Amino acid sequence: MRPLPQAAVPPQAAAEPRPAPDAAPAHPTRSAHLHLVVVGHVDHGKSTLIGRLLFDTHSVPDGKADLVKGFQDATAIFDSAGICVFTSFAWTLQDVAPQLEAACEGDWSLENLGVVGERIWNLERQFNLAAGFTAADDTLPKRLLEEPAKTGPAKGKVNELHKMLPEYYEARGWSTDGRPTQETLTRLSL
């Protein structure tokens, strides 16, 4: 199936976090080079597992911050390997590891790939902090935080980013003000 041209993708499906509130921390904390992080979607009856879960339950399961973090770490590997991030809906890191092992020296086990992805996100966070960004910048436009979604599985809901960011920061090993802790930096050899 061919992807729709960008102009044909409904704006809500392209980047708006309200239809997939579980992915809320992914939007304001993403790095500038990664244009879209999607944890789950439902489109024309087809969906990812997480999108289907959201559609069926109309809710955000607890512990979603760990899933957002894991997906961000994995997409950092895809992006850094030069592989289109959208293939991550069909491939896993188990598919990427042998390719990296064939092309690059080093230990590209699944465990090490997870650490590499985590290091990338923490390095990018440190760069953004050094550039003057703070936790106050980890937000979404006011409209997305206050105006309920008009359609889709999250119809009538607003984004609950204020509830999710503390859980996300904790999952990342960051302080309550969104800074990587010294323990996290040491663990990742940064």
N, C-alpha and C. Protein backbone atom coordinates (compact mmCIF):
# COMPACT_ATOMS: atom_id res chain seq x y z
N MET A 1 0.84 -1.18 0.00
CA MET A 1 0.00 0.00 0.00
C MET A 1 0.88 1.24 0.00
N ARG A 2 0.64 2.15 -0.94
CA ARG A 2 1.42 3.37 -1.03
C ARG A 2 0.99 4.35 0.04
N PRO A 3 1.96 5.08 0.64
CA PRO A 3 1.57 6.11 1.61
C PRO A 3 0.88 7.26 0.89
N LEU A 4 -0.01 7.92 1.57
CA LEU A 4 -0.69 9.07 1.00
C LEU A 4 0.28 10.23 0.85
N PRO A 5 0.11 11.06 -0.17
CA PRO A 5 0.94 12.27 -0.25
C PRO A 5 0.68 13.11 0.99
N GLN A 6 1.67 13.86 1.41
CA GLN A 6 1.56 14.64 2.64
C GLN A 6 0.31 15.51 2.67
N ALA A 7 -0.03 16.12 1.56
CA ALA A 7 -1.20 17.01 1.54
C ALA A 7 -2.50 16.25 1.77
N ALA A 8 -2.51 14.95 1.47
CA ALA A 8 -3.75 14.17 1.63
C ALA A 8 -3.91 13.61 3.03
N VAL A 9 -2.87 13.67 3.85
CA VAL A 9 -2.95 13.15 5.21
C VAL A 9 -3.68 14.17 6.08
N PRO A 10 -4.75 13.75 6.75
CA PRO A 10 -5.46 14.70 7.59
C PRO A 10 -4.52 15.30 8.62
N PRO A 11 -4.56 16.61 8.86
CA PRO A 11 -3.63 17.25 9.79
C PRO A 11 -3.65 16.58 11.16
N GLN A 12 -4.81 16.13 11.60
CA GLN A 12 -4.90 15.50 12.91
C GLN A 12 -4.07 14.22 12.95
N ALA A 13 -4.10 13.46 11.86
CA ALA A 13 -3.37 12.20 11.82
C ALA A 13 -1.87 12.43 11.64
N ALA A 14 -1.50 13.53 11.02
CA ALA A 14 -0.10 13.75 10.70
C ALA A 14 0.75 14.07 11.92
N ALA A 15 0.30 14.91 12.81
CA ALA A 15 1.16 15.28 13.92
C ALA A 15 0.44 15.71 15.17
N GLU A 16 -0.85 15.70 15.18
CA GLU A 16 -1.57 16.19 16.35
C GLU A 16 -1.63 15.11 17.42
N PRO A 17 -1.24 15.42 18.66
CA PRO A 17 -1.18 14.40 19.70
C PRO A 17 -2.51 14.05 20.35
N ARG A 18 -3.57 14.82 20.14
CA ARG A 18 -4.82 14.51 20.84
C ARG A 18 -5.40 13.16 20.47
N PRO A 19 -5.37 12.71 19.21
CA PRO A 19 -5.93 11.40 18.91
C PRO A 19 -5.14 10.25 19.53
N ALA A 20 -3.90 10.47 19.87
CA ALA A 20 -3.08 9.44 20.51
C ALA A 20 -2.46 10.04 21.77
N PRO A 21 -3.28 10.28 22.81
CA PRO A 21 -2.77 10.98 23.98
C PRO A 21 -1.66 10.24 24.70
N ASP A 22 -1.53 8.95 24.46
CA ASP A 22 -0.45 8.19 25.08
C ASP A 22 0.91 8.65 24.61
N ALA A 23 0.96 9.24 23.45
CA ALA A 23 2.23 9.68 22.88
C ALA A 23 2.56 11.12 23.24
N ALA A 24 1.77 11.73 24.11
CA ALA A 24 1.94 13.15 24.42
C ALA A 24 3.37 13.54 24.78
N PRO A 25 4.08 12.81 25.65
CA PRO A 25 5.44 13.23 25.97
C PRO A 25 6.39 13.17 24.78
N ALA A 26 6.06 12.39 23.77
CA ALA A 26 6.94 12.26 22.61
C ALA A 26 6.97 13.55 21.80
N HIS A 27 5.89 14.29 21.76
CA HIS A 27 5.83 15.48 20.92
C HIS A 27 6.68 16.64 21.44
N PRO A 28 6.50 17.11 22.66
CA PRO A 28 7.29 18.25 23.08
C PRO A 28 8.73 17.91 23.43
N THR A 29 9.06 16.64 23.65
CA THR A 29 10.42 16.29 24.02
C THR A 29 11.22 15.75 22.86
N ARG A 30 10.61 15.65 21.67
CA ARG A 30 11.32 15.08 20.52
C ARG A 30 12.43 16.02 20.09
N SER A 31 13.40 15.43 19.40
CA SER A 31 14.48 16.26 18.89
C SER A 31 14.05 16.85 17.56
N ALA A 32 14.71 17.90 17.17
CA ALA A 32 14.29 18.62 15.97
C ALA A 32 14.44 17.79 14.70
N HIS A 33 15.39 16.84 14.66
CA HIS A 33 15.60 16.10 13.41
C HIS A 33 14.58 15.00 13.20
N LEU A 34 13.87 14.61 14.22
CA LEU A 34 12.87 13.56 14.09
C LEU A 34 11.52 14.23 14.04
N HIS A 35 10.91 14.25 12.88
CA HIS A 35 9.72 15.07 12.66
C HIS A 35 8.45 14.51 13.26
N LEU A 36 8.37 13.21 13.47
CA LEU A 36 7.13 12.63 13.96
C LEU A 36 7.44 11.37 14.74
N VAL A 37 6.89 11.28 15.93
CA VAL A 37 6.99 10.07 16.72
C VAL A 37 5.57 9.61 16.98
N VAL A 38 5.24 8.45 16.50
CA VAL A 38 3.89 7.92 16.68
C VAL A 38 4.01 6.63 17.46
N VAL A 39 3.28 6.51 18.54
CA VAL A 39 3.27 5.28 19.30
C VAL A 39 2.13 4.40 18.84
N GLY A 40 1.01 4.97 18.49
CA GLY A 40 -0.11 4.17 18.02
C GLY A 40 -1.02 5.00 17.15
N HIS A 41 -1.62 4.36 16.19
CA HIS A 41 -2.57 5.09 15.35
C HIS A 41 -3.66 4.13 14.88
N VAL A 42 -4.78 4.69 14.53
CA VAL A 42 -5.86 3.94 13.92
C VAL A 42 -6.23 4.70 12.66
N ASP A 43 -6.16 4.05 11.51
CA ASP A 43 -6.42 4.72 10.25
C ASP A 43 -7.20 3.79 9.33
N HIS A 44 -8.40 4.18 9.00
CA HIS A 44 -9.23 3.41 8.07
C HIS A 44 -9.35 1.94 8.47
N GLY A 45 -9.53 1.70 9.77
CA GLY A 45 -9.72 0.34 10.24
C GLY A 45 -8.46 -0.46 10.44
N LYS A 46 -7.32 0.08 10.04
CA LYS A 46 -6.04 -0.60 10.25
C LYS A 46 -5.34 0.12 11.38
N SER A 47 -4.60 -0.59 12.19
CA SER A 47 -3.99 0.09 13.33
C SER A 47 -2.74 -0.64 13.79
N THR A 48 -1.95 0.08 14.57
CA THR A 48 -0.90 -0.57 15.32
C THR A 48 -1.55 -1.16 16.56
N LEU A 49 -0.85 -2.01 17.25
CA LEU A 49 -1.38 -2.62 18.45
C LEU A 49 -1.79 -1.56 19.47
N ILE A 50 -0.94 -0.57 19.67
CA ILE A 50 -1.25 0.47 20.65
C ILE A 50 -2.43 1.32 20.18
N GLY A 51 -2.47 1.61 18.89
CA GLY A 51 -3.61 2.36 18.36
C GLY A 51 -4.92 1.61 18.58
N ARG A 52 -4.88 0.31 18.38
CA ARG A 52 -6.08 -0.50 18.59
C ARG A 52 -6.49 -0.47 20.07
N LEU A 53 -5.49 -0.57 20.95
CA LEU A 53 -5.77 -0.52 22.38
C LEU A 53 -6.44 0.80 22.76
N LEU A 54 -5.92 1.89 22.23
CA LEU A 54 -6.52 3.20 22.52
C LEU A 54 -7.93 3.29 21.97
N PHE A 55 -8.12 2.79 20.78
CA PHE A 55 -9.43 2.85 20.15
C PHE A 55 -10.45 2.04 20.96
N ASP A 56 -10.05 0.85 21.38
CA ASP A 56 -10.96 -0.03 22.11
C ASP A 56 -11.27 0.45 23.52
N THR A 57 -10.27 1.00 24.20
CA THR A 57 -10.47 1.37 25.61
C THR A 57 -10.76 2.85 25.81
N HIS A 58 -10.49 3.65 24.78
CA HIS A 58 -10.65 5.11 24.91
C HIS A 58 -9.90 5.64 26.13
N SER A 59 -8.75 5.07 26.39
CA SER A 59 -8.01 5.49 27.58
C SER A 59 -6.52 5.41 27.33
N VAL A 60 -5.78 5.89 28.32
CA VAL A 60 -4.33 5.83 28.28
C VAL A 60 -3.88 4.88 29.37
N PRO A 61 -3.34 3.72 29.02
CA PRO A 61 -2.88 2.79 30.04
C PRO A 61 -1.76 3.40 30.89
N ASP A 62 -1.74 3.05 32.16
CA ASP A 62 -0.67 3.50 33.03
C ASP A 62 0.65 2.95 32.52
N GLY A 63 1.73 3.65 32.83
CA GLY A 63 3.04 3.19 32.43
C GLY A 63 3.38 3.46 30.98
N LYS A 64 2.61 4.31 30.32
CA LYS A 64 2.84 4.60 28.92
C LYS A 64 4.17 5.32 28.70
N ALA A 65 4.67 6.01 29.72
CA ALA A 65 5.93 6.73 29.58
C ALA A 65 7.07 5.78 29.20
N ASP A 66 7.07 4.59 29.76
CA ASP A 66 8.11 3.61 29.41
C ASP A 66 8.01 3.21 27.95
N LEU A 67 6.78 3.08 27.46
CA LEU A 67 6.58 2.73 26.06
C LEU A 67 7.03 3.87 25.14
N VAL A 68 6.69 5.10 25.50
CA VAL A 68 7.13 6.26 24.71
C VAL A 68 8.65 6.31 24.68
N LYS A 69 9.29 6.15 25.83
CA LYS A 69 10.75 6.17 25.91
C LYS A 69 11.35 5.07 25.04
N GLY A 70 10.82 3.86 25.16
CA GLY A 70 11.34 2.75 24.37
C GLY A 70 11.20 2.98 22.88
N PHE A 71 10.06 3.53 22.48
CA PHE A 71 9.85 3.81 21.07
C PHE A 71 10.79 4.91 20.59
N GLN A 72 10.98 5.94 21.42
CA GLN A 72 11.92 7.01 21.04
C GLN A 72 13.33 6.46 20.91
N ASP A 73 13.75 5.64 21.86
CA ASP A 73 15.10 5.05 21.79
C ASP A 73 15.26 4.21 20.53
N ALA A 74 14.23 3.42 20.21
CA ALA A 74 14.30 2.59 19.00
C ALA A 74 14.33 3.44 17.74
N THR A 75 13.51 4.50 17.69
CA THR A 75 13.50 5.33 16.48
C THR A 75 14.82 6.08 16.33
N ALA A 76 15.50 6.34 17.43
CA ALA A 76 16.83 6.97 17.34
C ALA A 76 17.80 6.02 16.64
N ILE A 77 17.68 4.73 16.91
CA ILE A 77 18.53 3.74 16.24
C ILE A 77 18.21 3.70 14.75
N PHE A 78 16.93 3.60 14.42
CA PHE A 78 16.53 3.59 13.00
C PHE A 78 17.06 4.84 12.30
N ASP A 79 16.83 6.00 12.91
CA ASP A 79 17.24 7.27 12.32
C ASP A 79 18.76 7.33 12.15
N SER A 80 19.49 6.94 13.17
CA SER A 80 20.96 7.00 13.11
C SER A 80 21.54 5.99 12.14
N ALA A 81 20.84 4.88 11.92
CA ALA A 81 21.30 3.88 10.96
C ALA A 81 20.95 4.26 9.52
N GLY A 82 20.21 5.35 9.38
CA GLY A 82 19.83 5.79 8.04
C GLY A 82 18.63 5.03 7.49
N ILE A 83 17.87 4.40 8.38
CA ILE A 83 16.70 3.63 7.97
C ILE A 83 15.46 4.48 8.23
N CYS A 84 14.56 4.52 7.29
CA CYS A 84 13.34 5.30 7.44
C CYS A 84 12.63 4.89 8.73
N VAL A 85 12.29 5.87 9.55
CA VAL A 85 11.67 5.61 10.84
C VAL A 85 10.33 4.90 10.70
N PHE A 86 9.66 5.07 9.59
CA PHE A 86 8.36 4.43 9.41
C PHE A 86 8.46 2.92 9.21
N THR A 87 9.66 2.42 8.89
CA THR A 87 9.82 0.97 8.82
C THR A 87 9.74 0.35 10.21
N SER A 88 9.85 1.16 11.25
CA SER A 88 9.77 0.63 12.62
C SER A 88 8.39 0.08 12.93
N PHE A 89 7.41 0.35 12.08
CA PHE A 89 6.09 -0.24 12.27
C PHE A 89 6.07 -1.69 11.79
N ALA A 90 7.03 -2.07 10.97
CA ALA A 90 7.10 -3.44 10.46
C ALA A 90 8.33 -4.18 10.99
N TRP A 91 9.42 -3.46 11.19
CA TRP A 91 10.66 -4.06 11.65
C TRP A 91 10.82 -3.80 13.13
N THR A 92 11.68 -4.60 13.73
CA THR A 92 12.07 -4.37 15.12
C THR A 92 13.58 -4.17 15.14
N LEU A 93 14.10 -3.92 16.32
CA LEU A 93 15.56 -3.79 16.45
C LEU A 93 16.25 -5.11 16.12
N GLN A 94 15.53 -6.23 16.23
CA GLN A 94 16.10 -7.52 15.84
C GLN A 94 16.38 -7.56 14.34
N ASP A 95 15.63 -6.80 13.56
CA ASP A 95 15.87 -6.73 12.12
C ASP A 95 17.02 -5.78 11.79
N VAL A 96 17.21 -4.78 12.62
CA VAL A 96 18.25 -3.78 12.38
C VAL A 96 19.62 -4.28 12.83
N ALA A 97 19.67 -5.00 13.94
CA ALA A 97 20.94 -5.45 14.52
C ALA A 97 21.85 -6.17 13.52
N PRO A 98 21.36 -7.16 12.75
CA PRO A 98 22.26 -7.84 11.80
C PRO A 98 22.79 -6.90 10.72
N GLN A 99 22.00 -5.92 10.33
CA GLN A 99 22.46 -4.97 9.32
C GLN A 99 23.60 -4.11 9.88
N LEU A 100 23.43 -3.67 11.13
CA LEU A 100 24.49 -2.88 11.75
C LEU A 100 25.75 -3.73 11.96
N GLU A 101 25.55 -4.98 12.37
CA GLU A 101 26.70 -5.87 12.57
C GLU A 101 27.46 -6.10 11.26
N ALA A 102 26.75 -6.15 10.14
CA ALA A 102 27.40 -6.35 8.85
C ALA A 102 28.13 -5.11 8.38
N ALA A 103 27.65 -3.94 8.79
CA ALA A 103 28.22 -2.69 8.29
C ALA A 103 29.21 -2.03 9.24
N CYS A 104 29.09 -2.30 10.52
CA CYS A 104 29.88 -1.58 11.53
C CYS A 104 30.50 -2.54 12.53
N GLU A 105 31.67 -2.18 13.01
CA GLU A 105 32.27 -2.94 14.09
C GLU A 105 31.52 -2.67 15.38
N GLY A 106 31.64 -3.58 16.33
CA GLY A 106 31.05 -3.36 17.63
C GLY A 106 30.02 -4.40 17.98
N ASP A 107 29.53 -4.30 19.19
CA ASP A 107 28.51 -5.21 19.70
C ASP A 107 27.15 -4.56 19.48
N TRP A 108 26.37 -5.10 18.55
CA TRP A 108 25.07 -4.54 18.23
C TRP A 108 23.95 -5.44 18.73
N SER A 109 24.15 -5.97 19.94
CA SER A 109 23.10 -6.77 20.56
C SER A 109 21.90 -5.88 20.86
N LEU A 110 20.75 -6.51 21.09
CA LEU A 110 19.54 -5.73 21.39
C LEU A 110 19.74 -4.88 22.64
N GLU A 111 20.41 -5.43 23.64
CA GLU A 111 20.66 -4.67 24.87
C GLU A 111 21.50 -3.42 24.57
N ASN A 112 22.56 -3.59 23.79
CA ASN A 112 23.41 -2.44 23.46
C ASN A 112 22.70 -1.45 22.56
N LEU A 113 21.86 -1.92 21.65
CA LEU A 113 21.10 -0.99 20.82
C LEU A 113 20.19 -0.12 21.68
N GLY A 114 19.58 -0.72 22.70
CA GLY A 114 18.74 0.05 23.61
C GLY A 114 19.53 1.15 24.31
N VAL A 115 20.74 0.82 24.73
CA VAL A 115 21.60 1.81 25.39
C VAL A 115 22.01 2.90 24.41
N VAL A 116 22.33 2.52 23.19
CA VAL A 116 22.72 3.51 22.17
C VAL A 116 21.56 4.49 21.93
N GLY A 117 20.35 3.96 21.77
CA GLY A 117 19.19 4.84 21.58
C GLY A 117 18.99 5.77 22.75
N GLU A 118 19.14 5.25 23.95
CA GLU A 118 19.00 6.07 25.15
C GLU A 118 20.08 7.14 25.22
N ARG A 119 21.30 6.78 24.83
CA ARG A 119 22.39 7.76 24.82
C ARG A 119 22.09 8.89 23.83
N ILE A 120 21.56 8.54 22.67
CA ILE A 120 21.24 9.56 21.67
C ILE A 120 20.24 10.56 22.24
N TRP A 121 19.16 10.06 22.85
CA TRP A 121 18.14 10.97 23.40
C TRP A 121 18.70 11.84 24.51
N ASN A 122 19.58 11.28 25.34
CA ASN A 122 20.16 12.07 26.42
C ASN A 122 21.18 13.08 25.90
N LEU A 123 21.93 12.72 24.88
CA LEU A 123 22.85 13.68 24.27
C LEU A 123 22.08 14.84 23.63
N GLU A 124 21.00 14.50 22.94
CA GLU A 124 20.17 15.55 22.34
C GLU A 124 19.55 16.43 23.41
N ARG A 125 19.14 15.83 24.51
CA ARG A 125 18.56 16.62 25.60
C ARG A 125 19.61 17.56 26.18
N GLN A 126 20.81 17.06 26.39
CA GLN A 126 21.88 17.91 26.91
C GLN A 126 22.17 19.06 25.95
N PHE A 127 22.19 18.78 24.66
CA PHE A 127 22.42 19.83 23.68
C PHE A 127 21.33 20.89 23.79
N ASN A 128 20.06 20.45 23.84
CA ASN A 128 18.95 21.40 23.93
C ASN A 128 19.00 22.21 25.22
N LEU A 129 19.39 21.57 26.32
CA LEU A 129 19.52 22.31 27.58
C LEU A 129 20.64 23.35 27.48
N ALA A 130 21.75 22.98 26.87
CA ALA A 130 22.86 23.92 26.69
C ALA A 130 22.47 25.08 25.78
N ALA A 131 21.52 24.82 24.88
CA ALA A 131 21.04 25.87 23.96
C ALA A 131 20.00 26.77 24.62
N GLY A 132 19.66 26.48 25.88
CA GLY A 132 18.74 27.34 26.61
C GLY A 132 17.33 26.81 26.77
N PHE A 133 17.05 25.63 26.23
CA PHE A 133 15.72 25.05 26.41
C PHE A 133 15.59 24.50 27.83
N THR A 134 14.40 24.52 28.37
CA THR A 134 14.14 24.00 29.72
C THR A 134 12.89 23.13 29.70
N ALA A 135 12.54 22.60 30.85
CA ALA A 135 11.31 21.81 30.96
C ALA A 135 10.09 22.63 30.58
N ALA A 136 10.17 23.93 30.74
CA ALA A 136 9.04 24.80 30.35
C ALA A 136 8.77 24.72 28.85
N ASP A 137 9.76 24.32 28.08
CA ASP A 137 9.58 24.18 26.64
C ASP A 137 8.99 22.82 26.26
N ASP A 138 8.89 21.90 27.21
CA ASP A 138 8.30 20.58 26.96
C ASP A 138 6.79 20.69 27.06
N THR A 139 6.22 21.35 26.10
CA THR A 139 4.78 21.57 26.12
C THR A 139 4.23 21.48 24.71
N LEU A 140 2.96 21.62 24.63
CA LEU A 140 2.26 21.62 23.35
C LEU A 140 1.53 22.95 23.22
N PRO A 141 1.08 23.30 22.03
CA PRO A 141 0.30 24.53 21.88
C PRO A 141 -0.92 24.51 22.80
N LYS A 142 -1.26 25.67 23.33
CA LYS A 142 -2.36 25.81 24.28
C LYS A 142 -3.64 25.15 23.77
N ARG A 143 -3.91 25.29 22.50
CA ARG A 143 -5.12 24.72 21.92
C ARG A 143 -5.18 23.21 22.11
N LEU A 144 -4.04 22.54 21.97
CA LEU A 144 -4.01 21.09 22.12
C LEU A 144 -4.16 20.65 23.57
N LEU A 145 -3.80 21.54 24.48
CA LEU A 145 -3.91 21.23 25.90
C LEU A 145 -5.29 21.54 26.47
N GLU A 146 -6.02 22.44 25.81
CA GLU A 146 -7.29 22.91 26.37
C GLU A 146 -8.52 22.58 25.52
N GLU A 147 -8.36 22.49 24.22
CA GLU A 147 -9.50 22.25 23.33
C GLU A 147 -9.66 20.75 23.09
N PRO A 148 -10.81 20.18 23.42
CA PRO A 148 -11.00 18.73 23.23
C PRO A 148 -10.92 18.34 21.75
N ALA A 149 -10.44 17.13 21.51
CA ALA A 149 -10.41 16.58 20.16
C ALA A 149 -11.85 16.46 19.65
N LYS A 150 -12.05 16.78 18.39
CA LYS A 150 -13.40 16.78 17.82
C LYS A 150 -13.80 15.45 17.22
N THR A 151 -12.83 14.62 16.87
CA THR A 151 -13.12 13.33 16.24
C THR A 151 -12.15 12.28 16.75
N GLY A 152 -12.39 11.05 16.35
CA GLY A 152 -11.46 9.97 16.64
C GLY A 152 -11.65 9.35 18.01
N PRO A 153 -10.76 8.42 18.36
CA PRO A 153 -10.90 7.69 19.61
C PRO A 153 -10.75 8.58 20.85
N ALA A 154 -10.14 9.74 20.72
CA ALA A 154 -9.98 10.64 21.86
C ALA A 154 -10.99 11.79 21.81
N LYS A 155 -12.06 11.61 21.04
CA LYS A 155 -13.07 12.67 20.91
C LYS A 155 -13.52 13.14 22.30
N GLY A 156 -13.51 14.47 22.48
CA GLY A 156 -13.93 15.06 23.73
C GLY A 156 -12.85 15.14 24.79
N LYS A 157 -11.67 14.61 24.50
CA LYS A 157 -10.59 14.62 25.49
C LYS A 157 -9.56 15.67 25.13
N VAL A 158 -8.88 16.16 26.17
CA VAL A 158 -7.75 17.05 25.98
C VAL A 158 -6.50 16.28 26.38
N ASN A 159 -5.39 16.78 25.96
CA ASN A 159 -4.13 16.14 26.27
C ASN A 159 -3.81 16.34 27.75
N GLU A 160 -3.35 15.31 28.40
CA GLU A 160 -3.00 15.39 29.82
C GLU A 160 -1.48 15.36 30.01
N LEU A 161 -0.82 16.18 29.23
CA LEU A 161 0.63 16.24 29.27
C LEU A 161 1.15 16.52 30.67
N HIS A 162 0.49 17.39 31.42
CA HIS A 162 0.95 17.75 32.76
C HIS A 162 1.01 16.54 33.69
N LYS A 163 0.20 15.54 33.44
CA LYS A 163 0.23 14.32 34.25
C LYS A 163 1.29 13.35 33.75
N MET A 164 1.54 13.39 32.45
CA MET A 164 2.42 12.40 31.85
C MET A 164 3.91 12.78 31.88
N LEU A 165 4.22 14.08 31.83
CA LEU A 165 5.63 14.47 31.79
C LEU A 165 6.42 14.01 33.01
N PRO A 166 5.91 14.13 34.23
CA PRO A 166 6.70 13.64 35.37
C PRO A 166 7.03 12.14 35.25
N GLU A 167 6.07 11.35 34.79
CA GLU A 167 6.31 9.92 34.61
C GLU A 167 7.34 9.69 33.50
N TYR A 168 7.26 10.49 32.45
CA TYR A 168 8.22 10.39 31.35
C TYR A 168 9.63 10.76 31.82
N TYR A 169 9.74 11.86 32.55
CA TYR A 169 11.06 12.27 33.07
C TYR A 169 11.66 11.17 33.95
N GLU A 170 10.83 10.57 34.77
CA GLU A 170 11.31 9.49 35.64
C GLU A 170 11.77 8.30 34.81
N ALA A 171 11.01 7.92 33.79
CA ALA A 171 11.38 6.80 32.92
C ALA A 171 12.70 7.08 32.21
N ARG A 172 12.95 8.33 31.88
CA ARG A 172 14.19 8.72 31.20
C ARG A 172 15.37 8.83 32.15
N GLY A 173 15.10 8.88 33.46
CA GLY A 173 16.20 9.10 34.40
C GLY A 173 16.58 10.57 34.46
N TRP A 174 15.57 11.43 34.32
CA TRP A 174 15.78 12.87 34.37
C TRP A 174 15.19 13.41 35.67
N SER A 175 15.65 14.55 36.07
CA SER A 175 15.13 15.20 37.27
C SER A 175 13.73 15.74 36.98
N THR A 176 13.08 16.24 38.02
CA THR A 176 11.73 16.78 37.84
C THR A 176 11.71 18.01 36.95
N ASP A 177 12.88 18.64 36.75
CA ASP A 177 12.94 19.78 35.83
C ASP A 177 13.47 19.37 34.45
N GLY A 178 13.44 18.06 34.16
CA GLY A 178 13.75 17.59 32.81
C GLY A 178 15.22 17.52 32.46
N ARG A 179 16.08 17.45 33.46
CA ARG A 179 17.52 17.34 33.20
C ARG A 179 17.99 15.91 33.48
N PRO A 180 18.83 15.35 32.59
CA PRO A 180 19.38 14.03 32.90
C PRO A 180 20.13 14.08 34.22
N THR A 181 19.84 13.12 35.10
CA THR A 181 20.52 13.10 36.40
C THR A 181 21.96 12.65 36.21
N GLN A 182 22.80 12.93 37.19
CA GLN A 182 24.19 12.50 37.13
C GLN A 182 24.26 10.98 37.06
N GLU A 183 23.37 10.30 37.77
CA GLU A 183 23.33 8.83 37.73
C GLU A 183 23.06 8.35 36.31
N THR A 184 22.13 8.97 35.60
CA THR A 184 21.82 8.59 34.22
C THR A 184 23.01 8.84 33.31
N LEU A 185 23.62 10.01 33.46
CA LEU A 185 24.78 10.34 32.62
C LEU A 185 25.94 9.38 32.87
N THR A 186 26.15 9.02 34.13
CA THR A 186 27.23 8.07 34.45
C THR A 186 26.91 6.69 33.88
N ARG A 187 25.68 6.22 34.07
CA ARG A 187 25.28 4.91 33.55
C ARG A 187 25.46 4.82 32.06
N LEU A 188 25.21 5.93 31.35
CA LEU A 188 25.32 5.95 29.89
C LEU A 188 26.71 6.40 29.39
N SER A 189 27.62 6.60 30.31
CA SER A 189 28.99 7.06 29.99
C SER A 189 28.98 8.35 29.20
N LEU A 190 28.17 9.29 29.65
CA LEU A 190 28.09 10.59 28.98
C LEU A 190 28.75 11.67 29.83
